[in-house]
Every structure is written in C-alpha cells, then in structure tokens.
Amino acid sequence: LARVILPHNADADWIIAVSDPSKDLSTPLK
C-alpha cells in the first residue's frame, strides 16, 4: 500500500478522484 499525503487544499472531490479510476479521464490532473 501507499500512504498518499493530502495537499493542503485537497477536498472530498480530490480524494474521491484519486480513489476512483473511473474518474481518471474527467480529472486527469491529480
């Protein structure tokens, strides 16, 4: 596993986008 450090401005949408690859095309810059 990896423990990814959250950026200071990371919100719930960022966390979900990192977690869910089905959103990779709509949120490519993570």
PDB file of all heavy atoms in Angstrom:
ATOM      1  N   LEU A   1       0.830  -1.203   0.000  1.00  0.00           N
ATOM      2  CA  LEU A   1       0.000   0.000   0.000  1.00  0.00           C
ATOM      3  C   LEU A   1       0.865   1.253   0.000  1.00  0.00           C
ATOM      4  O   LEU A   1       2.067   1.218   0.274  1.00  0.00           O
ATOM      5  CB  LEU A   1      -0.953   0.003   1.198  1.00  0.00           C
ATOM      6  CG  LEU A   1      -0.351   0.051   2.609  1.00  0.00           C
ATOM      7  CD1 LEU A   1      -0.155   1.486   3.084  1.00  0.00           C
ATOM      8  CD2 LEU A   1      -1.245  -0.692   3.586  1.00  0.00           C
ATOM      9  N   ALA A   2       0.208   2.351  -0.324  1.00  0.00           N
ATOM     10  CA  ALA A   2       0.858   3.662  -0.271  1.00  0.00           C
ATOM     11  C   ALA A   2       0.019   4.591   0.603  1.00  0.00           C
ATOM     12  O   ALA A   2      -1.214   4.537   0.570  1.00  0.00           O
ATOM     13  CB  ALA A   2       1.004   4.255  -1.672  1.00  0.00           C
ATOM     14  N   ARG A   3       0.707   5.415   1.388  1.00  0.00           N
ATOM     15  CA  ARG A   3       0.023   6.424   2.205  1.00  0.00           C
ATOM     16  C   ARG A   3       0.246   7.781   1.552  1.00  0.00           C
ATOM     17  O   ARG A   3       1.275   8.416   1.724  1.00  0.00           O
ATOM     18  CB  ARG A   3       0.577   6.405   3.627  1.00  0.00           C
ATOM     19  CG  ARG A   3       0.210   5.159   4.427  1.00  0.00           C
ATOM     20  CD  ARG A   3       0.956   5.092   5.745  1.00  0.00           C
ATOM     21  NE  ARG A   3       2.362   4.735   5.565  1.00  0.00           N
ATOM     22  CZ  ARG A   3       3.337   5.032   6.420  1.00  0.00           C
ATOM     23  NH1 ARG A   3       3.062   5.725   7.515  1.00  0.00           N
ATOM     24  NH2 ARG A   3       4.568   4.650   6.185  1.00  0.00           N
ATOM     25  N   VAL A   4      -0.731   8.195   0.764  1.00  0.00           N
ATOM     26  CA  VAL A   4      -0.609   9.425  -0.014  1.00  0.00           C
ATOM     27  C   VAL A   4      -0.892  10.626   0.879  1.00  0.00           C
ATOM     28  O   VAL A   4      -1.938  10.707   1.532  1.00  0.00           O
ATOM     29  CB  VAL A   4      -1.582   9.416  -1.212  1.00  0.00           C
ATOM     30  CG1 VAL A   4      -1.518  10.740  -1.966  1.00  0.00           C
ATOM     31  CG2 VAL A   4      -1.255   8.255  -2.143  1.00  0.00           C
ATOM     32  N   ILE A   5       0.061  11.557   0.918  1.00  0.00           N
ATOM     33  CA  ILE A   5      -0.083  12.777   1.727  1.00  0.00           C
ATOM     34  C   ILE A   5      -1.020  13.739   1.016  1.00  0.00           C
ATOM     35  O   ILE A   5      -0.821  14.070  -0.157  1.00  0.00           O
ATOM     36  CB  ILE A   5       1.287  13.432   1.958  1.00  0.00           C
ATOM     37  CG1 ILE A   5       2.210  12.449   2.699  1.00  0.00           C
ATOM     38  CG2 ILE A   5       1.138  14.729   2.731  1.00  0.00           C
ATOM     39  CD1 ILE A   5       3.650  12.923   2.778  1.00  0.00           C
ATOM     40  N   LEU A   6      -2.050  14.183   1.714  1.00  0.00           N
ATOM     41  CA  LEU A   6      -3.019  15.088   1.106  1.00  0.00           C
ATOM     42  C   LEU A   6      -2.428  16.495   0.946  1.00  0.00           C
ATOM     43  O   LEU A   6      -1.860  17.044   1.905  1.00  0.00           O
ATOM     44  CB  LEU A   6      -4.288  15.175   1.961  1.00  0.00           C
ATOM     45  CG  LEU A   6      -5.444  14.248   1.583  1.00  0.00           C
ATOM     46  CD1 LEU A   6      -5.031  12.798   1.742  1.00  0.00           C
ATOM     47  CD2 LEU A   6      -6.673  14.567   2.419  1.00  0.00           C
ATOM     48  N   PRO A   7      -2.567  17.092  -0.238  1.00  0.00           N
ATOM     49  CA  PRO A   7      -2.220  18.510  -0.377  1.00  0.00           C
ATOM     50  C   PRO A   7      -3.091  19.350   0.555  1.00  0.00           C
ATOM     51  O   PRO A   7      -4.204  18.937   0.916  1.00  0.00           O
ATOM     52  CB  PRO A   7      -2.540  18.808  -1.847  1.00  0.00           C
ATOM     53  CG  PRO A   7      -2.544  17.473  -2.526  1.00  0.00           C
ATOM     54  CD  PRO A   7      -3.018  16.490  -1.497  1.00  0.00           C
ATOM     55  N   HIS A   8      -2.610  20.516   0.952  1.00  0.00           N
ATOM     56  CA  HIS A   8      -3.345  21.324   1.930  1.00  0.00           C
ATOM     57  C   HIS A   8      -4.713  21.746   1.424  1.00  0.00           C
ATOM     58  O   HIS A   8      -5.636  21.994   2.209  1.00  0.00           O
ATOM     59  CB  HIS A   8      -2.525  22.575   2.299  1.00  0.00           C
ATOM     60  CG  HIS A   8      -2.443  23.592   1.201  1.00  0.00           C
ATOM     61  ND1 HIS A   8      -1.562  23.491   0.144  1.00  0.00           N
ATOM     62  CD2 HIS A   8      -3.161  24.741   0.992  1.00  0.00           C
ATOM     63  CE1 HIS A   8      -1.722  24.526  -0.669  1.00  0.00           C
ATOM     64  NE2 HIS A   8      -2.683  25.291  -0.177  1.00  0.00           N
ATOM     65  N   ASN A   9      -4.868  21.829   0.084  1.00  0.00           N
ATOM     66  CA  ASN A   9      -6.149  22.275  -0.476  1.00  0.00           C
ATOM     67  C   ASN A   9      -7.005  21.117  -0.989  1.00  0.00           C
ATOM     68  O   ASN A   9      -7.993  21.330  -1.677  1.00  0.00           O
ATOM     69  CB  ASN A   9      -5.906  23.266  -1.613  1.00  0.00           C
ATOM     70  CG  ASN A   9      -5.091  22.656  -2.755  1.00  0.00           C
ATOM     71  OD1 ASN A   9      -4.450  21.620  -2.571  1.00  0.00           O
ATOM     72  ND2 ASN A   9      -5.115  23.298  -3.914  1.00  0.00           N
ATOM     73  N   ALA A  10      -6.635  19.888  -0.650  1.00  0.00           N
ATOM     74  CA  ALA A  10      -7.388  18.725  -1.130  1.00  0.00           C
ATOM     75  C   ALA A  10      -8.764  18.672  -0.481  1.00  0.00           C
ATOM     76  O   ALA A  10      -8.883  18.744   0.751  1.00  0.00           O
ATOM     77  CB  ALA A  10      -6.614  17.446  -0.837  1.00  0.00           C
ATOM     78  N   ASP A  11      -9.801  18.552  -1.293  1.00  0.00           N
ATOM     79  CA  ASP A  11     -11.160  18.438  -0.766  1.00  0.00           C
ATOM     80  C   ASP A  11     -11.682  17.030  -1.000  1.00  0.00           C
ATOM     81  O   ASP A  11     -10.966  16.145  -1.498  1.00  0.00           O
ATOM     82  CB  ASP A  11     -12.083  19.478  -1.404  1.00  0.00           C
ATOM     83  CG  ASP A  11     -12.105  19.395  -2.931  1.00  0.00           C
ATOM     84  OD1 ASP A  11     -11.587  18.396  -3.487  1.00  0.00           O
ATOM     85  OD2 ASP A  11     -12.654  20.313  -3.568  1.00  0.00           O
ATOM     86  N   ALA A  12     -12.939  16.809  -0.675  1.00  0.00           N
ATOM     87  CA  ALA A  12     -13.517  15.473  -0.820  1.00  0.00           C
ATOM     88  C   ALA A  12     -13.521  15.021  -2.275  1.00  0.00           C
ATOM     89  O   ALA A  12     -13.296  13.840  -2.571  1.00  0.00           O
ATOM     90  CB  ALA A  12     -14.932  15.451  -0.237  1.00  0.00           C
ATOM     91  N   ASP A  13     -13.752  15.948  -3.188  1.00  0.00           N
ATOM     92  CA  ASP A  13     -13.755  15.599  -4.607  1.00  0.00           C
ATOM     93  C   ASP A  13     -12.374  15.106  -5.049  1.00  0.00           C
ATOM     94  O   ASP A  13     -12.270  14.162  -5.844  1.00  0.00           O
ATOM     95  CB  ASP A  13     -14.178  16.799  -5.461  1.00  0.00           C
ATOM     96  CG  ASP A  13     -15.663  17.116  -5.321  1.00  0.00           C
ATOM     97  OD1 ASP A  13     -16.420  16.210  -4.915  1.00  0.00           O
ATOM     98  OD2 ASP A  13     -16.060  18.256  -5.615  1.00  0.00           O
ATOM     99  N   TRP A  14     -11.315  15.740  -4.541  1.00  0.00           N
ATOM    100  CA  TRP A  14      -9.953  15.314  -4.895  1.00  0.00           C
ATOM    101  C   TRP A  14      -9.693  13.905  -4.367  1.00  0.00           C
ATOM    102  O   TRP A  14      -9.126  13.058  -5.072  1.00  0.00           O
ATOM    103  CB  TRP A  14      -8.941  16.299  -4.315  1.00  0.00           C
ATOM    104  CG  TRP A  14      -7.523  16.013  -4.717  1.00  0.00           C
ATOM    105  CD1 TRP A  14      -6.858  16.522  -5.800  1.00  0.00           C
ATOM    106  CD2 TRP A  14      -6.582  15.155  -4.040  1.00  0.00           C
ATOM    107  NE1 TRP A  14      -5.572  16.020  -5.843  1.00  0.00           N
ATOM    108  CE2 TRP A  14      -5.369  15.189  -4.781  1.00  0.00           C
ATOM    109  CE3 TRP A  14      -6.644  14.368  -2.893  1.00  0.00           C
ATOM    110  CZ2 TRP A  14      -4.246  14.457  -4.399  1.00  0.00           C
ATOM    111  CZ3 TRP A  14      -5.532  13.631  -2.515  1.00  0.00           C
ATOM    112  CH2 TRP A  14      -4.340  13.689  -3.256  1.00  0.00           C
ATOM    113  N   ILE A  15     -10.104  13.655  -3.153  1.00  0.00           N
ATOM    114  CA  ILE A  15      -9.882  12.344  -2.543  1.00  0.00           C
ATOM    115  C   ILE A  15     -10.613  11.256  -3.316  1.00  0.00           C
ATOM    116  O   ILE A  15     -10.055  10.193  -3.613  1.00  0.00           O
ATOM    117  CB  ILE A  15     -10.335  12.365  -1.071  1.00  0.00           C
ATOM    118  CG1 ILE A  15      -9.417  13.274  -0.256  1.00  0.00           C
ATOM    119  CG2 ILE A  15     -10.358  10.964  -0.478  1.00  0.00           C
ATOM    120  CD1 ILE A  15      -9.919  13.577   1.135  1.00  0.00           C
ATOM    121  N   ILE A  16     -11.864  11.534  -3.686  1.00  0.00           N
ATOM    122  CA  ILE A  16     -12.640  10.550  -4.437  1.00  0.00           C
ATOM    123  C   ILE A  16     -12.046  10.338  -5.820  1.00  0.00           C
ATOM    124  O   ILE A  16     -11.987   9.209  -6.330  1.00  0.00           O
ATOM    125  CB  ILE A  16     -14.111  10.986  -4.512  1.00  0.00           C
ATOM    126  CG1 ILE A  16     -14.730  10.949  -3.106  1.00  0.00           C
ATOM    127  CG2 ILE A  16     -14.905  10.096  -5.462  1.00  0.00           C
ATOM    128  CD1 ILE A  16     -16.108  11.559  -3.012  1.00  0.00           C
ATOM    129  N   ALA A  17     -11.563  11.410  -6.441  1.00  0.00           N
ATOM    130  CA  ALA A  17     -10.969  11.290  -7.769  1.00  0.00           C
ATOM    131  C   ALA A  17      -9.703  10.450  -7.746  1.00  0.00           C
ATOM    132  O   ALA A  17      -9.442   9.669  -8.664  1.00  0.00           O
ATOM    133  CB  ALA A  17     -10.671  12.682  -8.330  1.00  0.00           C
ATOM    134  N   VAL A  18      -8.900  10.595  -6.702  1.00  0.00           N
ATOM    135  CA  VAL A  18      -7.691   9.782  -6.568  1.00  0.00           C
ATOM    136  C   VAL A  18      -8.052   8.320  -6.323  1.00  0.00           C
ATOM    137  O   VAL A  18      -7.370   7.407  -6.798  1.00  0.00           O
ATOM    138  CB  VAL A  18      -6.806  10.322  -5.428  1.00  0.00           C
ATOM    139  CG1 VAL A  18      -5.671   9.351  -5.108  1.00  0.00           C
ATOM    140  CG2 VAL A  18      -6.228  11.683  -5.801  1.00  0.00           C
ATOM    141  N   SER A  19      -9.137   8.101  -5.628  1.00  0.00           N
ATOM    142  CA  SER A  19      -9.533   6.747  -5.239  1.00  0.00           C
ATOM    143  C   SER A  19     -10.245   5.987  -6.343  1.00  0.00           C
ATOM    144  O   SER A  19     -10.159   4.754  -6.402  1.00  0.00           O
ATOM    145  CB  SER A  19     -10.448   6.806  -4.016  1.00  0.00           C
ATOM    146  OG  SER A  19      -9.854   7.547  -2.973  1.00  0.00           O
ATOM    147  N   ASP A  20     -10.964   6.690  -7.205  1.00  0.00           N
ATOM    148  CA  ASP A  20     -11.836   6.054  -8.181  1.00  0.00           C
ATOM    149  C   ASP A  20     -11.295   6.232  -9.597  1.00  0.00           C
ATOM    150  O   ASP A  20     -11.393   7.305 -10.188  1.00  0.00           O
ATOM    151  CB  ASP A  20     -13.240   6.660  -8.078  1.00  0.00           C
ATOM    152  CG  ASP A  20     -14.251   5.929  -8.946  1.00  0.00           C
ATOM    153  OD1 ASP A  20     -13.846   5.062  -9.744  1.00  0.00           O
ATOM    154  OD2 ASP A  20     -15.457   6.212  -8.825  1.00  0.00           O
ATOM    155  N   PRO A  21     -10.727   5.187 -10.199  1.00  0.00           N
ATOM    156  CA  PRO A  21     -10.126   5.315 -11.532  1.00  0.00           C
ATOM    157  C   PRO A  21     -11.144   5.543 -12.639  1.00  0.00           C
ATOM    158  O   PRO A  21     -10.774   5.953 -13.731  1.00  0.00           O
ATOM    159  CB  PRO A  21      -9.410   3.974 -11.723  1.00  0.00           C
ATOM    160  CG  PRO A  21     -10.116   3.033 -10.831  1.00  0.00           C
ATOM    161  CD  PRO A  21     -10.564   3.838  -9.647  1.00  0.00           C
ATOM    162  N   SER A  22     -12.430   5.259 -12.375  1.00  0.00           N
ATOM    163  CA  SER A  22     -13.420   5.534 -13.409  1.00  0.00           C
ATOM    164  C   SER A  22     -13.551   7.035 -13.650  1.00  0.00           C
ATOM    165  O   SER A  22     -14.152   7.456 -14.637  1.00  0.00           O
ATOM    166  CB  SER A  22     -14.780   4.945 -13.020  1.00  0.00           C
ATOM    167  OG  SER A  22     -15.301   5.560 -11.859  1.00  0.00           O
ATOM    168  N   LYS A  23     -12.958   7.849 -12.757  1.00  0.00           N
ATOM    169  CA  LYS A  23     -12.981   9.300 -12.923  1.00  0.00           C
ATOM    170  C   LYS A  23     -11.654   9.846 -13.470  1.00  0.00           C
ATOM    171  O   LYS A  23     -11.461  11.060 -13.545  1.00  0.00           O
ATOM    172  CB  LYS A  23     -13.301   9.983 -11.581  1.00  0.00           C
ATOM    173  CG  LYS A  23     -14.613   9.537 -10.964  1.00  0.00           C
ATOM    174  CD  LYS A  23     -14.885  10.268  -9.662  1.00  0.00           C
ATOM    175  CE  LYS A  23     -16.151   9.751  -8.987  1.00  0.00           C
ATOM    176  NZ  LYS A  23     -17.336   9.965  -9.801  1.00  0.00           N
ATOM    177  N   ASP A  24     -10.741   8.966 -13.860  1.00  0.00           N
ATOM    178  CA  ASP A  24      -9.418   9.407 -14.284  1.00  0.00           C
ATOM    179  C   ASP A  24      -9.469  10.307 -15.523  1.00  0.00           C
ATOM    180  O   ASP A  24      -8.697  11.256 -15.641  1.00  0.00           O
ATOM    181  CB  ASP A  24      -8.513   8.203 -14.557  1.00  0.00           C
ATOM    182  CG  ASP A  24      -7.970   7.589 -13.275  1.00  0.00           C
ATOM    183  OD1 ASP A  24      -8.138   8.198 -12.206  1.00  0.00           O
ATOM    184  OD2 ASP A  24      -7.379   6.491 -13.343  1.00  0.00           O
ATOM    185  N   LEU A  25     -10.353  10.008 -16.460  1.00  0.00           N
ATOM    186  CA  LEU A  25     -10.418  10.812 -17.678  1.00  0.00           C
ATOM    187  C   LEU A  25     -11.009  12.196 -17.413  1.00  0.00           C
ATOM    188  O   LEU A  25     -10.598  13.181 -18.042  1.00  0.00           O
ATOM    189  CB  LEU A  25     -11.243  10.087 -18.745  1.00  0.00           C
ATOM    190  CG  LEU A  25     -10.614   8.811 -19.330  1.00  0.00           C
ATOM    191  CD1 LEU A  25     -11.530   8.210 -20.399  1.00  0.00           C
ATOM    192  CD2 LEU A  25      -9.245   9.110 -19.926  1.00  0.00           C
ATOM    193  N   SER A  26     -11.948  12.286 -16.480  1.00  0.00           N
ATOM    194  CA  SER A  26     -12.580  13.579 -16.199  1.00  0.00           C
ATOM    195  C   SER A  26     -11.753  14.426 -15.230  1.00  0.00           C
ATOM    196  O   SER A  26     -11.942  15.638 -15.144  1.00  0.00           O
ATOM    197  CB  SER A  26     -13.993  13.367 -15.623  1.00  0.00           C
ATOM    198  OG  SER A  26     -13.937  12.594 -14.438  1.00  0.00           O
ATOM    199  N   THR A  27     -10.858  13.790 -14.480  1.00  0.00           N
ATOM    200  CA  THR A  27      -9.999  14.522 -13.543  1.00  0.00           C
ATOM    201  C   THR A  27      -8.552  14.055 -13.718  1.00  0.00           C
ATOM    202  O   THR A  27      -8.001  13.371 -12.852  1.00  0.00           O
ATOM    203  CB  THR A  27     -10.449  14.312 -12.087  1.00  0.00           C
ATOM    204  OG1 THR A  27     -10.513  12.893 -11.822  1.00  0.00           O
ATOM    205  CG2 THR A  27     -11.808  14.921 -11.830  1.00  0.00           C
ATOM    206  N   PRO A  28      -7.917  14.404 -14.829  1.00  0.00           N
ATOM    207  CA  PRO A  28      -6.590  13.856 -15.125  1.00  0.00           C
ATOM    208  C   PRO A  28      -5.449  14.465 -14.312  1.00  0.00           C
ATOM    209  O   PRO A  28      -4.412  13.832 -14.147  1.00  0.00           O
ATOM    210  CB  PRO A  28      -6.415  14.165 -16.617  1.00  0.00           C
ATOM    211  CG  PRO A  28      -7.261  15.387 -16.841  1.00  0.00           C
ATOM    212  CD  PRO A  28      -8.427  15.256 -15.920  1.00  0.00           C
ATOM    213  N   LEU A  29      -5.618  15.680 -13.804  1.00  0.00           N
ATOM    214  CA  LEU A  29      -4.518  16.377 -13.129  1.00  0.00           C
ATOM    215  C   LEU A  29      -4.639  16.209 -11.619  1.00  0.00           C
ATOM    216  O   LEU A  29      -5.207  17.046 -10.925  1.00  0.00           O
ATOM    217  CB  LEU A  29      -4.519  17.862 -13.515  1.00  0.00           C
ATOM    218  CG  LEU A  29      -4.388  18.148 -15.019  1.00  0.00           C
ATOM    219  CD1 LEU A  29      -4.464  19.644 -15.292  1.00  0.00           C
ATOM    220  CD2 LEU A  29      -3.070  17.580 -15.546  1.00  0.00           C
ATOM    221  N   LYS A  30      -4.086  15.125 -11.105  1.00  0.00           N
ATOM    222  CA  LYS A  30      -4.174  14.846  -9.673  1.00  0.00           C
ATOM    223  C   LYS A  30      -2.820  14.830  -8.983  1.00  0.00           C
ATOM    224  O   LYS A  30      -2.738  14.934  -7.777  1.00  0.00           O
ATOM    225  CB  LYS A  30      -4.875  13.499  -9.444  1.00  0.00           C
ATOM    226  CG  LYS A  30      -6.311  13.460  -9.892  1.00  0.00           C
ATOM    227  CD  LYS A  30      -6.969  12.152  -9.529  1.00  0.00           C
ATOM    228  CE  LYS A  30      -6.526  11.020 -10.423  1.00  0.00           C
ATOM    229  NZ  LYS A  30      -7.043  11.155 -11.799  1.00  0.00           N
TER     230      LYS A  30
END
